[in-house]
Amino acid sequence: MIDAKAHYFEKLEAFKSESNEPGGIVLLGSSHFEWFDTAKFLPQWRFVNRGIASDRIGVTDRGILHRLGVSVFDLAPACVILQNGVNDLGELWRTGEPSVEDVIACYEQVVTRIKTKLPDTPFAIVSILPTTGDFAGITPWIAPFNVELKRIAKEANLTFIDFYPDVVGPDSQLRGELTYDGLHLNEDGYRLYAERLDAYLACLELA
């Protein structure tokens, strides 16, 4: 287990020290993005990875809401792809808070800020993934949360990339052959993920 707080601030310092050319594709999220080997699976695209393992949307004093400058705005991105929420739901499962309503409200704040600052930048929301095994307790919240994300995307006129059906099994849990721990994707899972993102990016005809 990582020290989530320490890792968060270490990654922010690393982001600040980077020099990135404008026009990259920003991956904004948590471990699913931080550990996504885009050079291996999507070498044809130029990504700026702004995933931080264990990160949440920002209901507390840390999270995506509080790092939009260094994670999005400072980069002048050609596209923003956001996936987040499962860590908040995991905290809800373990401790009883934050509420789903608070998480969704914070998610809406993130979307509004990005849309306001970058109104002409392509922006997609990716559904959160099902879980299984030791993390199966999060399952009841996953599908309803994705319904809310789809609503947010529609109301903000964003693309919603629904990856959930690609990886969910008949038991509403993450298919075992696509994960190594019940929460994170393995290589086969990332290969499917890459196919979906590649199809979306190809439609944008990014320069």
N, C-alpha and C. Protein backbone atom coordinates (compact mmCIF):
# COMPACT_ATOMS: atom_id res chain seq x y z
N MET A 1 0.84 -1.20 0.00
CA MET A 1 0.00 0.00 0.00
C MET A 1 0.88 1.26 0.00
N ILE A 2 0.51 2.20 -0.83
CA ILE A 2 1.25 3.46 -0.86
C ILE A 2 0.70 4.40 0.20
N ASP A 3 1.50 5.36 0.60
CA ASP A 3 1.04 6.45 1.45
C ASP A 3 0.37 7.46 0.52
N ALA A 4 -0.96 7.45 0.48
CA ALA A 4 -1.70 8.23 -0.51
C ALA A 4 -1.38 9.72 -0.44
N LYS A 5 -1.30 10.26 0.78
CA LYS A 5 -1.03 11.68 0.93
C LYS A 5 0.37 12.03 0.44
N ALA A 6 1.35 11.26 0.86
CA ALA A 6 2.73 11.53 0.45
C ALA A 6 2.87 11.38 -1.06
N HIS A 7 2.25 10.36 -1.61
CA HIS A 7 2.35 10.11 -3.05
C HIS A 7 1.72 11.25 -3.84
N TYR A 8 0.60 11.75 -3.35
CA TYR A 8 -0.10 12.86 -4.01
C TYR A 8 0.83 14.07 -4.14
N PHE A 9 1.43 14.46 -3.06
CA PHE A 9 2.28 15.66 -3.09
C PHE A 9 3.60 15.41 -3.84
N GLU A 10 4.11 14.19 -3.77
CA GLU A 10 5.30 13.86 -4.56
C GLU A 10 5.01 13.98 -6.05
N LYS A 11 3.85 13.49 -6.47
CA LYS A 11 3.48 13.57 -7.89
C LYS A 11 3.26 15.02 -8.31
N LEU A 12 2.66 15.83 -7.46
CA LEU A 12 2.46 17.23 -7.80
C LEU A 12 3.79 17.93 -8.02
N GLU A 13 4.76 17.65 -7.17
CA GLU A 13 6.09 18.25 -7.34
C GLU A 13 6.73 17.76 -8.64
N ALA A 14 6.54 16.49 -8.94
CA ALA A 14 7.09 15.97 -10.19
C ALA A 14 6.43 16.63 -11.40
N PHE A 15 5.13 16.83 -11.34
CA PHE A 15 4.42 17.50 -12.44
C PHE A 15 4.96 18.91 -12.65
N LYS A 16 5.19 19.62 -11.54
CA LYS A 16 5.66 21.00 -11.64
C LYS A 16 7.05 21.08 -12.27
N SER A 17 7.83 20.05 -12.12
CA SER A 17 9.20 20.07 -12.64
C SER A 17 9.28 19.64 -14.10
N GLU A 18 8.18 19.11 -14.64
CA GLU A 18 8.19 18.64 -16.02
C GLU A 18 8.11 19.80 -17.01
N SER A 19 8.65 19.56 -18.18
CA SER A 19 8.52 20.52 -19.28
C SER A 19 7.78 19.81 -20.41
N ASN A 20 6.55 20.25 -20.67
CA ASN A 20 5.72 19.60 -21.68
C ASN A 20 5.34 20.58 -22.77
N GLU A 21 5.44 20.14 -24.01
CA GLU A 21 4.98 20.95 -25.12
C GLU A 21 3.46 21.06 -25.07
N PRO A 22 2.89 22.21 -25.44
CA PRO A 22 1.43 22.32 -25.52
C PRO A 22 0.87 21.30 -26.51
N GLY A 23 -0.39 20.97 -26.33
CA GLY A 23 -1.06 20.11 -27.29
C GLY A 23 -1.04 18.63 -26.99
N GLY A 24 -0.65 18.25 -25.78
CA GLY A 24 -0.70 16.84 -25.41
C GLY A 24 -2.11 16.41 -25.03
N ILE A 25 -2.29 15.12 -24.94
CA ILE A 25 -3.57 14.54 -24.50
C ILE A 25 -3.44 14.24 -23.01
N VAL A 26 -4.20 14.95 -22.20
CA VAL A 26 -4.09 14.81 -20.75
C VAL A 26 -4.95 13.67 -20.25
N LEU A 27 -4.33 12.75 -19.53
CA LEU A 27 -5.04 11.69 -18.82
C LEU A 27 -5.15 12.11 -17.37
N LEU A 28 -6.35 12.40 -16.93
CA LEU A 28 -6.59 12.97 -15.60
C LEU A 28 -7.33 11.96 -14.75
N GLY A 29 -6.67 11.45 -13.71
CA GLY A 29 -7.34 10.44 -12.90
C GLY A 29 -6.44 9.90 -11.81
N SER A 30 -6.61 8.60 -11.54
CA SER A 30 -5.88 7.97 -10.44
C SER A 30 -4.99 6.85 -10.97
N SER A 31 -4.96 5.70 -10.30
CA SER A 31 -4.01 4.65 -10.66
C SER A 31 -4.25 4.05 -12.02
N HIS A 32 -5.50 3.97 -12.46
CA HIS A 32 -5.76 3.41 -13.78
C HIS A 32 -5.01 4.18 -14.87
N PHE A 33 -4.82 5.47 -14.64
CA PHE A 33 -4.04 6.26 -15.59
C PHE A 33 -2.56 6.28 -15.23
N GLU A 34 -2.23 6.46 -13.96
CA GLU A 34 -0.81 6.53 -13.60
C GLU A 34 -0.05 5.30 -14.09
N TRP A 35 -0.69 4.13 -14.00
CA TRP A 35 -0.01 2.89 -14.34
C TRP A 35 -0.32 2.41 -15.76
N PHE A 36 -0.89 3.31 -16.56
CA PHE A 36 -1.21 2.99 -17.95
C PHE A 36 0.02 3.26 -18.81
N ASP A 37 0.60 2.22 -19.37
CA ASP A 37 1.81 2.35 -20.19
C ASP A 37 1.40 2.77 -21.60
N THR A 38 1.16 4.05 -21.77
CA THR A 38 0.68 4.53 -23.07
C THR A 38 1.74 4.39 -24.16
N ALA A 39 3.00 4.46 -23.78
CA ALA A 39 4.07 4.29 -24.78
C ALA A 39 4.02 2.90 -25.39
N LYS A 40 3.56 1.94 -24.62
CA LYS A 40 3.46 0.57 -25.10
C LYS A 40 2.17 0.34 -25.88
N PHE A 41 1.05 0.80 -25.34
CA PHE A 41 -0.24 0.48 -25.92
C PHE A 41 -0.75 1.50 -26.93
N LEU A 42 -0.32 2.76 -26.81
CA LEU A 42 -0.81 3.81 -27.71
C LEU A 42 0.34 4.73 -28.12
N PRO A 43 1.38 4.19 -28.72
CA PRO A 43 2.56 5.00 -29.04
C PRO A 43 2.30 6.07 -30.10
N GLN A 44 1.19 5.94 -30.81
CA GLN A 44 0.89 6.89 -31.88
C GLN A 44 0.36 8.23 -31.37
N TRP A 45 0.07 8.32 -30.07
CA TRP A 45 -0.48 9.54 -29.49
C TRP A 45 0.48 10.12 -28.45
N ARG A 46 0.46 11.43 -28.30
CA ARG A 46 1.32 12.08 -27.30
C ARG A 46 0.49 12.42 -26.06
N PHE A 47 0.71 11.66 -25.02
CA PHE A 47 -0.04 11.83 -23.78
C PHE A 47 0.77 12.61 -22.74
N VAL A 48 0.06 13.29 -21.87
CA VAL A 48 0.64 13.83 -20.64
C VAL A 48 -0.13 13.17 -19.51
N ASN A 49 0.54 12.28 -18.80
CA ASN A 49 -0.14 11.47 -17.79
C ASN A 49 -0.25 12.24 -16.48
N ARG A 50 -1.47 12.51 -16.10
CA ARG A 50 -1.74 13.19 -14.84
C ARG A 50 -2.58 12.31 -13.91
N GLY A 51 -2.26 11.03 -13.95
CA GLY A 51 -2.85 10.09 -13.00
C GLY A 51 -2.04 10.04 -11.73
N ILE A 52 -2.72 9.97 -10.60
CA ILE A 52 -2.06 9.82 -9.30
C ILE A 52 -2.76 8.67 -8.58
N ALA A 53 -2.05 7.60 -8.32
CA ALA A 53 -2.62 6.44 -7.65
C ALA A 53 -3.28 6.84 -6.34
N SER A 54 -4.46 6.30 -6.09
CA SER A 54 -5.27 6.54 -4.89
C SER A 54 -5.95 7.90 -4.87
N ASP A 55 -5.78 8.70 -5.94
CA ASP A 55 -6.37 10.04 -5.91
C ASP A 55 -7.88 9.98 -6.03
N ARG A 56 -8.51 10.99 -5.45
CA ARG A 56 -9.96 11.11 -5.45
C ARG A 56 -10.36 12.40 -6.13
N ILE A 57 -11.64 12.63 -6.25
CA ILE A 57 -12.13 13.75 -7.05
C ILE A 57 -11.88 15.10 -6.40
N GLY A 58 -11.83 15.14 -5.05
CA GLY A 58 -11.51 16.41 -4.40
C GLY A 58 -12.48 16.86 -3.33
N VAL A 59 -13.26 15.95 -2.78
CA VAL A 59 -14.20 16.30 -1.70
C VAL A 59 -13.44 16.81 -0.49
N THR A 60 -12.25 16.25 -0.24
CA THR A 60 -11.40 16.70 0.86
C THR A 60 -10.45 17.78 0.34
N ASP A 61 -9.37 18.05 1.07
CA ASP A 61 -8.44 19.11 0.65
C ASP A 61 -7.40 18.62 -0.35
N ARG A 62 -7.49 17.37 -0.77
CA ARG A 62 -6.67 16.85 -1.85
C ARG A 62 -7.59 16.32 -2.94
N GLY A 63 -7.00 16.08 -4.11
CA GLY A 63 -7.78 15.49 -5.18
C GLY A 63 -7.76 16.33 -6.44
N ILE A 64 -8.40 15.81 -7.47
CA ILE A 64 -8.35 16.42 -8.79
C ILE A 64 -8.84 17.85 -8.79
N LEU A 65 -9.89 18.14 -8.06
CA LEU A 65 -10.42 19.51 -8.01
C LEU A 65 -9.35 20.52 -7.62
N HIS A 66 -8.41 20.09 -6.78
CA HIS A 66 -7.42 21.00 -6.22
C HIS A 66 -6.10 21.04 -6.99
N ARG A 67 -6.02 20.32 -8.10
CA ARG A 67 -4.77 20.30 -8.87
C ARG A 67 -5.00 20.53 -10.36
N LEU A 68 -6.05 21.21 -10.71
CA LEU A 68 -6.36 21.40 -12.12
C LEU A 68 -5.33 22.29 -12.84
N GLY A 69 -4.69 23.19 -12.10
CA GLY A 69 -3.68 24.04 -12.73
C GLY A 69 -2.54 23.22 -13.30
N VAL A 70 -1.82 22.52 -12.44
CA VAL A 70 -0.64 21.77 -12.86
C VAL A 70 -1.02 20.52 -13.65
N SER A 71 -2.25 20.05 -13.48
CA SER A 71 -2.66 18.80 -14.12
C SER A 71 -3.37 19.01 -15.45
N VAL A 72 -3.90 20.22 -15.69
CA VAL A 72 -4.65 20.47 -16.93
C VAL A 72 -4.30 21.83 -17.53
N PHE A 73 -4.62 22.89 -16.83
CA PHE A 73 -4.59 24.23 -17.43
C PHE A 73 -3.19 24.67 -17.87
N ASP A 74 -2.18 24.33 -17.10
CA ASP A 74 -0.81 24.74 -17.44
C ASP A 74 -0.29 24.04 -18.69
N LEU A 75 -0.99 23.00 -19.14
CA LEU A 75 -0.50 22.16 -20.22
C LEU A 75 -1.03 22.54 -21.59
N ALA A 76 -2.02 23.44 -21.63
CA ALA A 76 -2.65 23.80 -22.91
C ALA A 76 -2.93 22.55 -23.74
N PRO A 77 -3.75 21.64 -23.21
CA PRO A 77 -3.93 20.33 -23.85
C PRO A 77 -4.75 20.39 -25.14
N ALA A 78 -4.51 19.39 -25.99
CA ALA A 78 -5.34 19.21 -27.18
C ALA A 78 -6.61 18.46 -26.84
N CYS A 79 -6.60 17.74 -25.72
CA CYS A 79 -7.74 16.92 -25.30
C CYS A 79 -7.55 16.58 -23.83
N VAL A 80 -8.66 16.44 -23.12
CA VAL A 80 -8.64 16.02 -21.72
C VAL A 80 -9.52 14.78 -21.59
N ILE A 81 -8.98 13.74 -20.95
CA ILE A 81 -9.74 12.52 -20.68
C ILE A 81 -9.73 12.30 -19.18
N LEU A 82 -10.91 12.29 -18.59
CA LEU A 82 -11.07 12.20 -17.13
C LEU A 82 -11.69 10.88 -16.74
N GLN A 83 -11.04 10.18 -15.82
CA GLN A 83 -11.65 9.01 -15.20
C GLN A 83 -11.33 9.04 -13.71
N ASN A 84 -12.36 9.09 -12.90
CA ASN A 84 -12.16 9.13 -11.45
C ASN A 84 -13.47 8.79 -10.76
N GLY A 85 -13.34 8.39 -9.49
CA GLY A 85 -14.53 8.12 -8.70
C GLY A 85 -14.48 6.85 -7.88
N VAL A 86 -13.76 5.84 -8.36
CA VAL A 86 -13.80 4.56 -7.66
C VAL A 86 -13.12 4.65 -6.29
N ASN A 87 -12.12 5.51 -6.14
CA ASN A 87 -11.47 5.63 -4.83
C ASN A 87 -12.39 6.30 -3.81
N ASP A 88 -13.21 7.25 -4.28
CA ASP A 88 -14.21 7.83 -3.38
C ASP A 88 -15.24 6.79 -2.97
N LEU A 89 -15.66 5.97 -3.92
CA LEU A 89 -16.63 4.92 -3.59
C LEU A 89 -15.99 3.87 -2.67
N GLY A 90 -14.71 3.62 -2.87
CA GLY A 90 -14.02 2.71 -1.96
C GLY A 90 -13.97 3.24 -0.55
N GLU A 91 -13.75 4.54 -0.42
CA GLU A 91 -13.76 5.16 0.91
C GLU A 91 -15.15 5.09 1.53
N LEU A 92 -16.16 5.30 0.71
CA LEU A 92 -17.55 5.18 1.19
C LEU A 92 -17.82 3.76 1.69
N TRP A 93 -17.37 2.79 0.96
CA TRP A 93 -17.54 1.38 1.34
C TRP A 93 -16.84 1.08 2.67
N ARG A 94 -15.63 1.62 2.83
CA ARG A 94 -14.85 1.32 4.03
C ARG A 94 -15.30 2.10 5.25
N THR A 95 -15.67 3.36 5.06
CA THR A 95 -15.90 4.25 6.22
C THR A 95 -17.30 4.86 6.30
N GLY A 96 -18.08 4.76 5.22
CA GLY A 96 -19.41 5.35 5.23
C GLY A 96 -19.47 6.77 4.71
N GLU A 97 -18.33 7.32 4.29
CA GLU A 97 -18.32 8.66 3.72
C GLU A 97 -17.11 8.79 2.78
N PRO A 98 -17.17 9.70 1.82
CA PRO A 98 -18.17 10.74 1.59
C PRO A 98 -19.43 10.15 0.94
N SER A 99 -20.50 10.91 0.94
CA SER A 99 -21.72 10.45 0.30
C SER A 99 -21.56 10.48 -1.21
N VAL A 100 -22.34 9.67 -1.89
CA VAL A 100 -22.33 9.69 -3.35
C VAL A 100 -22.71 11.08 -3.85
N GLU A 101 -23.66 11.71 -3.17
CA GLU A 101 -24.10 13.05 -3.58
C GLU A 101 -22.95 14.05 -3.52
N ASP A 102 -22.12 13.97 -2.48
CA ASP A 102 -20.98 14.88 -2.36
C ASP A 102 -19.94 14.61 -3.44
N VAL A 103 -19.73 13.34 -3.75
CA VAL A 103 -18.76 12.99 -4.79
C VAL A 103 -19.24 13.50 -6.15
N ILE A 104 -20.50 13.30 -6.45
CA ILE A 104 -21.05 13.76 -7.73
C ILE A 104 -21.00 15.28 -7.82
N ALA A 105 -21.32 15.97 -6.75
CA ALA A 105 -21.28 17.44 -6.75
C ALA A 105 -19.86 17.93 -7.02
N CYS A 106 -18.88 17.27 -6.43
CA CYS A 106 -17.48 17.66 -6.64
C CYS A 106 -17.06 17.34 -8.07
N TYR A 107 -17.50 16.23 -8.58
CA TYR A 107 -17.21 15.85 -9.96
C TYR A 107 -17.75 16.93 -10.91
N GLU A 108 -18.95 17.40 -10.64
CA GLU A 108 -19.54 18.44 -11.47
C GLU A 108 -18.73 19.73 -11.41
N GLN A 109 -18.16 20.03 -10.24
CA GLN A 109 -17.30 21.21 -10.13
C GLN A 109 -16.06 21.06 -11.01
N VAL A 110 -15.47 19.89 -11.00
CA VAL A 110 -14.29 19.64 -11.83
C VAL A 110 -14.63 19.86 -13.31
N VAL A 111 -15.74 19.28 -13.74
CA VAL A 111 -16.15 19.40 -15.14
C VAL A 111 -16.43 20.85 -15.50
N THR A 112 -17.12 21.56 -14.62
CA THR A 112 -17.44 22.96 -14.89
C THR A 112 -16.19 23.80 -15.03
N ARG A 113 -15.23 23.60 -14.15
CA ARG A 113 -14.00 24.40 -14.20
C ARG A 113 -13.21 24.14 -15.48
N ILE A 114 -13.13 22.87 -15.87
CA ILE A 114 -12.40 22.57 -17.10
C ILE A 114 -13.13 23.13 -18.31
N LYS A 115 -14.43 22.95 -18.36
CA LYS A 115 -15.21 23.47 -19.49
C LYS A 115 -15.14 24.99 -19.56
N THR A 116 -15.15 25.65 -18.42
CA THR A 116 -15.10 27.12 -18.40
C THR A 116 -13.74 27.63 -18.88
N LYS A 117 -12.68 26.97 -18.42
CA LYS A 117 -11.32 27.41 -18.76
C LYS A 117 -10.92 27.00 -20.18
N LEU A 118 -11.40 25.83 -20.61
CA LEU A 118 -11.01 25.29 -21.91
C LEU A 118 -12.26 24.93 -22.72
N PRO A 119 -13.07 25.92 -23.09
CA PRO A 119 -14.37 25.64 -23.71
C PRO A 119 -14.28 24.95 -25.07
N ASP A 120 -13.17 25.12 -25.77
CA ASP A 120 -13.05 24.55 -27.11
C ASP A 120 -12.19 23.29 -27.17
N THR A 121 -11.75 22.82 -26.01
CA THR A 121 -10.88 21.64 -25.95
C THR A 121 -11.71 20.37 -25.85
N PRO A 122 -11.50 19.40 -26.74
CA PRO A 122 -12.21 18.12 -26.61
C PRO A 122 -12.00 17.53 -25.21
N PHE A 123 -13.08 17.01 -24.64
CA PHE A 123 -13.07 16.59 -23.24
C PHE A 123 -13.99 15.38 -23.13
N ALA A 124 -13.45 14.30 -22.60
CA ALA A 124 -14.23 13.07 -22.45
C ALA A 124 -14.18 12.58 -21.01
N ILE A 125 -15.29 12.01 -20.58
CA ILE A 125 -15.38 11.33 -19.29
C ILE A 125 -15.43 9.83 -19.57
N VAL A 126 -14.61 9.07 -18.85
CA VAL A 126 -14.62 7.61 -18.97
C VAL A 126 -15.35 7.03 -17.77
N SER A 127 -16.20 6.06 -18.02
CA SER A 127 -16.89 5.37 -16.93
C SER A 127 -15.87 4.74 -15.97
N ILE A 128 -16.25 4.62 -14.72
CA ILE A 128 -15.40 3.89 -13.79
C ILE A 128 -15.63 2.39 -14.00
N LEU A 129 -14.68 1.60 -13.56
CA LEU A 129 -14.70 0.17 -13.84
C LEU A 129 -15.30 -0.62 -12.69
N PRO A 130 -15.87 -1.77 -13.00
CA PRO A 130 -16.33 -2.65 -11.92
C PRO A 130 -15.14 -3.19 -11.14
N THR A 131 -15.42 -3.80 -10.03
CA THR A 131 -14.39 -4.39 -9.17
C THR A 131 -14.76 -5.84 -8.88
N THR A 132 -13.85 -6.55 -8.25
CA THR A 132 -14.11 -7.94 -7.90
C THR A 132 -13.18 -8.36 -6.77
N GLY A 133 -13.28 -9.59 -6.33
CA GLY A 133 -12.38 -10.11 -5.30
C GLY A 133 -12.45 -9.32 -4.01
N ASP A 134 -11.28 -8.91 -3.52
CA ASP A 134 -11.22 -8.16 -2.27
C ASP A 134 -11.93 -6.82 -2.35
N PHE A 135 -12.20 -6.35 -3.55
CA PHE A 135 -12.84 -5.04 -3.73
C PHE A 135 -14.29 -5.16 -4.20
N ALA A 136 -14.84 -6.36 -4.13
CA ALA A 136 -16.20 -6.58 -4.62
C ALA A 136 -17.24 -5.78 -3.84
N GLY A 137 -16.89 -5.36 -2.63
CA GLY A 137 -17.84 -4.59 -1.83
C GLY A 137 -18.21 -3.25 -2.43
N ILE A 138 -17.39 -2.77 -3.36
CA ILE A 138 -17.69 -1.49 -4.01
C ILE A 138 -18.74 -1.66 -5.10
N THR A 139 -18.94 -2.88 -5.55
CA THR A 139 -19.78 -3.17 -6.72
C THR A 139 -21.14 -2.48 -6.73
N PRO A 140 -21.90 -2.49 -5.63
CA PRO A 140 -23.26 -1.91 -5.71
C PRO A 140 -23.30 -0.44 -6.11
N TRP A 141 -22.21 0.29 -5.92
CA TRP A 141 -22.20 1.72 -6.24
C TRP A 141 -21.74 2.01 -7.66
N ILE A 142 -21.09 1.04 -8.30
CA ILE A 142 -20.41 1.32 -9.57
C ILE A 142 -21.38 1.70 -10.69
N ALA A 143 -22.32 0.83 -10.99
CA ALA A 143 -23.23 1.08 -12.11
C ALA A 143 -24.06 2.35 -11.91
N PRO A 144 -24.65 2.59 -10.71
CA PRO A 144 -25.39 3.84 -10.52
C PRO A 144 -24.50 5.08 -10.65
N PHE A 145 -23.25 4.97 -10.23
CA PHE A 145 -22.33 6.11 -10.37
C PHE A 145 -22.08 6.41 -11.84
N ASN A 146 -21.93 5.37 -12.64
CA ASN A 146 -21.73 5.58 -14.07
C ASN A 146 -22.94 6.23 -14.73
N VAL A 147 -24.12 5.93 -14.24
CA VAL A 147 -25.31 6.60 -14.76
C VAL A 147 -25.20 8.11 -14.51
N GLU A 148 -24.72 8.48 -13.34
CA GLU A 148 -24.53 9.90 -13.03
C GLU A 148 -23.45 10.53 -13.90
N LEU A 149 -22.37 9.80 -14.14
CA LEU A 149 -21.31 10.33 -15.00
C LEU A 149 -21.82 10.54 -16.43
N LYS A 150 -22.62 9.63 -16.90
CA LYS A 150 -23.20 9.78 -18.24
C LYS A 150 -24.09 11.02 -18.30
N ARG A 151 -24.85 11.25 -17.22
CA ARG A 151 -25.69 12.45 -17.15
C ARG A 151 -24.83 13.71 -17.17
N ILE A 152 -23.78 13.73 -16.35
CA ILE A 152 -22.90 14.90 -16.30
C ILE A 152 -22.32 15.18 -17.69
N ALA A 153 -21.86 14.14 -18.36
CA ALA A 153 -21.29 14.31 -19.69
C ALA A 153 -22.32 14.87 -20.66
N LYS A 154 -23.51 14.34 -20.62
CA LYS A 154 -24.55 14.81 -21.53
C LYS A 154 -24.90 16.27 -21.28
N GLU A 155 -25.06 16.64 -20.02
CA GLU A 155 -25.43 18.01 -19.69
C GLU A 155 -24.32 19.00 -20.04
N ALA A 156 -23.07 18.56 -20.00
CA ALA A 156 -21.94 19.43 -20.32
C ALA A 156 -21.53 19.32 -21.79
N ASN A 157 -22.27 18.52 -22.55
CA ASN A 157 -21.96 18.31 -23.97
C ASN A 157 -20.57 17.72 -24.16
N LEU A 158 -20.25 16.73 -23.34
CA LEU A 158 -18.97 16.03 -23.42
C LEU A 158 -19.19 14.63 -23.99
N THR A 159 -18.10 14.01 -24.41
CA THR A 159 -18.15 12.60 -24.81
C THR A 159 -18.10 11.73 -23.57
N PHE A 160 -18.94 10.71 -23.53
CA PHE A 160 -18.90 9.72 -22.45
C PHE A 160 -18.40 8.41 -23.05
N ILE A 161 -17.23 7.96 -22.60
CA ILE A 161 -16.66 6.70 -23.07
C ILE A 161 -17.06 5.62 -22.07
N ASP A 162 -18.00 4.80 -22.46
CA ASP A 162 -18.53 3.79 -21.54
C ASP A 162 -17.74 2.49 -21.70
N PHE A 163 -16.69 2.37 -20.89
CA PHE A 163 -15.82 1.19 -20.94
C PHE A 163 -16.34 0.07 -20.04
N TYR A 164 -17.30 0.39 -19.18
CA TYR A 164 -17.84 -0.57 -18.23
C TYR A 164 -18.34 -1.85 -18.91
N PRO A 165 -19.16 -1.77 -19.97
CA PRO A 165 -19.67 -3.01 -20.58
C PRO A 165 -18.58 -3.91 -21.15
N ASP A 166 -17.44 -3.32 -21.50
CA ASP A 166 -16.35 -4.11 -22.08
C ASP A 166 -15.67 -5.02 -21.06
N VAL A 167 -15.79 -4.69 -19.79
CA VAL A 167 -14.99 -5.40 -18.79
C VAL A 167 -15.82 -6.05 -17.68
N VAL A 168 -17.14 -5.84 -17.68
CA VAL A 168 -17.98 -6.38 -16.62
C VAL A 168 -18.45 -7.79 -16.97
N GLY A 169 -18.52 -8.63 -15.96
CA GLY A 169 -18.99 -9.99 -16.14
C GLY A 169 -20.47 -10.13 -15.82
N PRO A 170 -21.04 -11.31 -15.98
CA PRO A 170 -22.46 -11.52 -15.71
C PRO A 170 -22.86 -11.33 -14.25
N ASP A 171 -21.86 -11.31 -13.35
CA ASP A 171 -22.11 -11.09 -11.92
C ASP A 171 -21.98 -9.62 -11.54
N SER A 172 -21.87 -8.74 -12.54
CA SER A 172 -21.71 -7.29 -12.34
C SER A 172 -20.36 -6.93 -11.75
N GLN A 173 -19.42 -7.85 -11.79
CA GLN A 173 -18.08 -7.59 -11.29
C GLN A 173 -17.06 -7.60 -12.43
N LEU A 174 -15.89 -7.06 -12.16
CA LEU A 174 -14.81 -7.02 -13.14
C LEU A 174 -14.42 -8.44 -13.53
N ARG A 175 -14.34 -8.69 -14.82
CA ARG A 175 -13.96 -10.02 -15.30
C ARG A 175 -12.57 -10.39 -14.81
N GLY A 176 -12.45 -11.56 -14.20
CA GLY A 176 -11.23 -11.96 -13.54
C GLY A 176 -10.01 -12.01 -14.43
N GLU A 177 -10.21 -12.29 -15.72
CA GLU A 177 -9.07 -12.40 -16.62
C GLU A 177 -8.49 -11.05 -17.02
N LEU A 178 -9.13 -9.96 -16.57
CA LEU A 178 -8.68 -8.61 -16.94
C LEU A 178 -8.03 -7.86 -15.78
N THR A 179 -7.87 -8.53 -14.64
CA THR A 179 -7.33 -7.85 -13.45
C THR A 179 -6.37 -8.76 -12.71
N TYR A 180 -5.46 -8.15 -11.97
CA TYR A 180 -4.53 -8.96 -11.17
C TYR A 180 -4.83 -8.86 -9.68
N ASP A 181 -5.73 -7.93 -9.29
CA ASP A 181 -6.01 -7.77 -7.87
C ASP A 181 -7.47 -7.47 -7.57
N GLY A 182 -8.31 -7.44 -8.57
CA GLY A 182 -9.73 -7.16 -8.36
C GLY A 182 -10.11 -5.70 -8.53
N LEU A 183 -9.10 -4.84 -8.68
CA LEU A 183 -9.35 -3.40 -8.81
C LEU A 183 -8.67 -2.82 -10.05
N HIS A 184 -7.44 -3.23 -10.29
CA HIS A 184 -6.64 -2.66 -11.37
C HIS A 184 -6.59 -3.59 -12.57
N LEU A 185 -6.43 -2.99 -13.75
CA LEU A 185 -6.35 -3.77 -14.98
C LEU A 185 -4.98 -4.43 -15.13
N ASN A 186 -5.00 -5.62 -15.72
CA ASN A 186 -3.75 -6.24 -16.12
C ASN A 186 -3.47 -5.89 -17.58
N GLU A 187 -2.50 -6.53 -18.19
CA GLU A 187 -2.13 -6.18 -19.56
C GLU A 187 -3.28 -6.39 -20.53
N ASP A 188 -4.03 -7.48 -20.38
CA ASP A 188 -5.17 -7.72 -21.26
C ASP A 188 -6.23 -6.64 -21.08
N GLY A 189 -6.44 -6.21 -19.85
CA GLY A 189 -7.41 -5.15 -19.59
C GLY A 189 -6.99 -3.84 -20.22
N TYR A 190 -5.71 -3.51 -20.09
CA TYR A 190 -5.22 -2.27 -20.68
C TYR A 190 -5.26 -2.31 -22.21
N ARG A 191 -5.11 -3.49 -22.77
CA ARG A 191 -5.18 -3.60 -24.23
C ARG A 191 -6.59 -3.22 -24.71
N LEU A 192 -7.60 -3.68 -24.02
CA LEU A 192 -8.98 -3.30 -24.35
C LEU A 192 -9.19 -1.80 -24.15
N TYR A 193 -8.66 -1.30 -23.05
CA TYR A 193 -8.78 0.13 -22.72
C TYR A 193 -8.16 0.96 -23.84
N ALA A 194 -6.98 0.56 -24.28
CA ALA A 194 -6.28 1.29 -25.32
C ALA A 194 -7.09 1.32 -26.62
N GLU A 195 -7.74 0.23 -26.94
CA GLU A 195 -8.56 0.19 -28.16
C GLU A 195 -9.69 1.22 -28.10
N ARG A 196 -10.31 1.35 -26.95
CA ARG A 196 -11.40 2.30 -26.81
C ARG A 196 -10.91 3.74 -26.90
N LEU A 197 -9.80 4.03 -26.23
CA LEU A 197 -9.26 5.38 -26.27
C LEU A 197 -8.75 5.73 -27.66
N ASP A 198 -8.14 4.77 -28.32
CA ASP A 198 -7.64 5.02 -29.67
C ASP A 198 -8.79 5.36 -30.61
N ALA A 199 -9.90 4.65 -30.51
CA ALA A 199 -11.05 4.91 -31.37
C ALA A 199 -11.60 6.31 -31.13
N TYR A 200 -11.66 6.72 -29.87
CA TYR A 200 -12.14 8.07 -29.55
C TYR A 200 -11.20 9.13 -30.11
N LEU A 201 -9.91 8.97 -29.88
CA LEU A 201 -8.94 9.97 -30.34
C LEU A 201 -8.88 10.05 -31.86
N ALA A 202 -9.02 8.92 -32.53
CA ALA A 202 -8.99 8.91 -33.99
C ALA A 202 -10.13 9.75 -34.57
N CYS A 203 -11.27 9.74 -33.90
CA CYS A 203 -12.42 10.51 -34.37
C CYS A 203 -12.19 12.02 -34.24
N LEU A 204 -11.30 12.42 -33.35
CA LEU A 204 -11.06 13.86 -33.13
C LEU A 204 -10.20 14.48 -34.21
N GLU A 205 -9.43 13.66 -34.92
CA GLU A 205 -8.53 14.15 -35.95
C GLU A 205 -7.59 15.23 -35.38
N LEU A 206 -6.95 14.87 -34.28
CA LEU A 206 -6.04 15.82 -33.63
C LEU A 206 -4.82 16.05 -34.51
N ALA A 207 -4.36 17.30 -34.53
CA ALA A 207 -3.19 17.63 -35.35
C ALA A 207 -1.95 17.01 -34.73
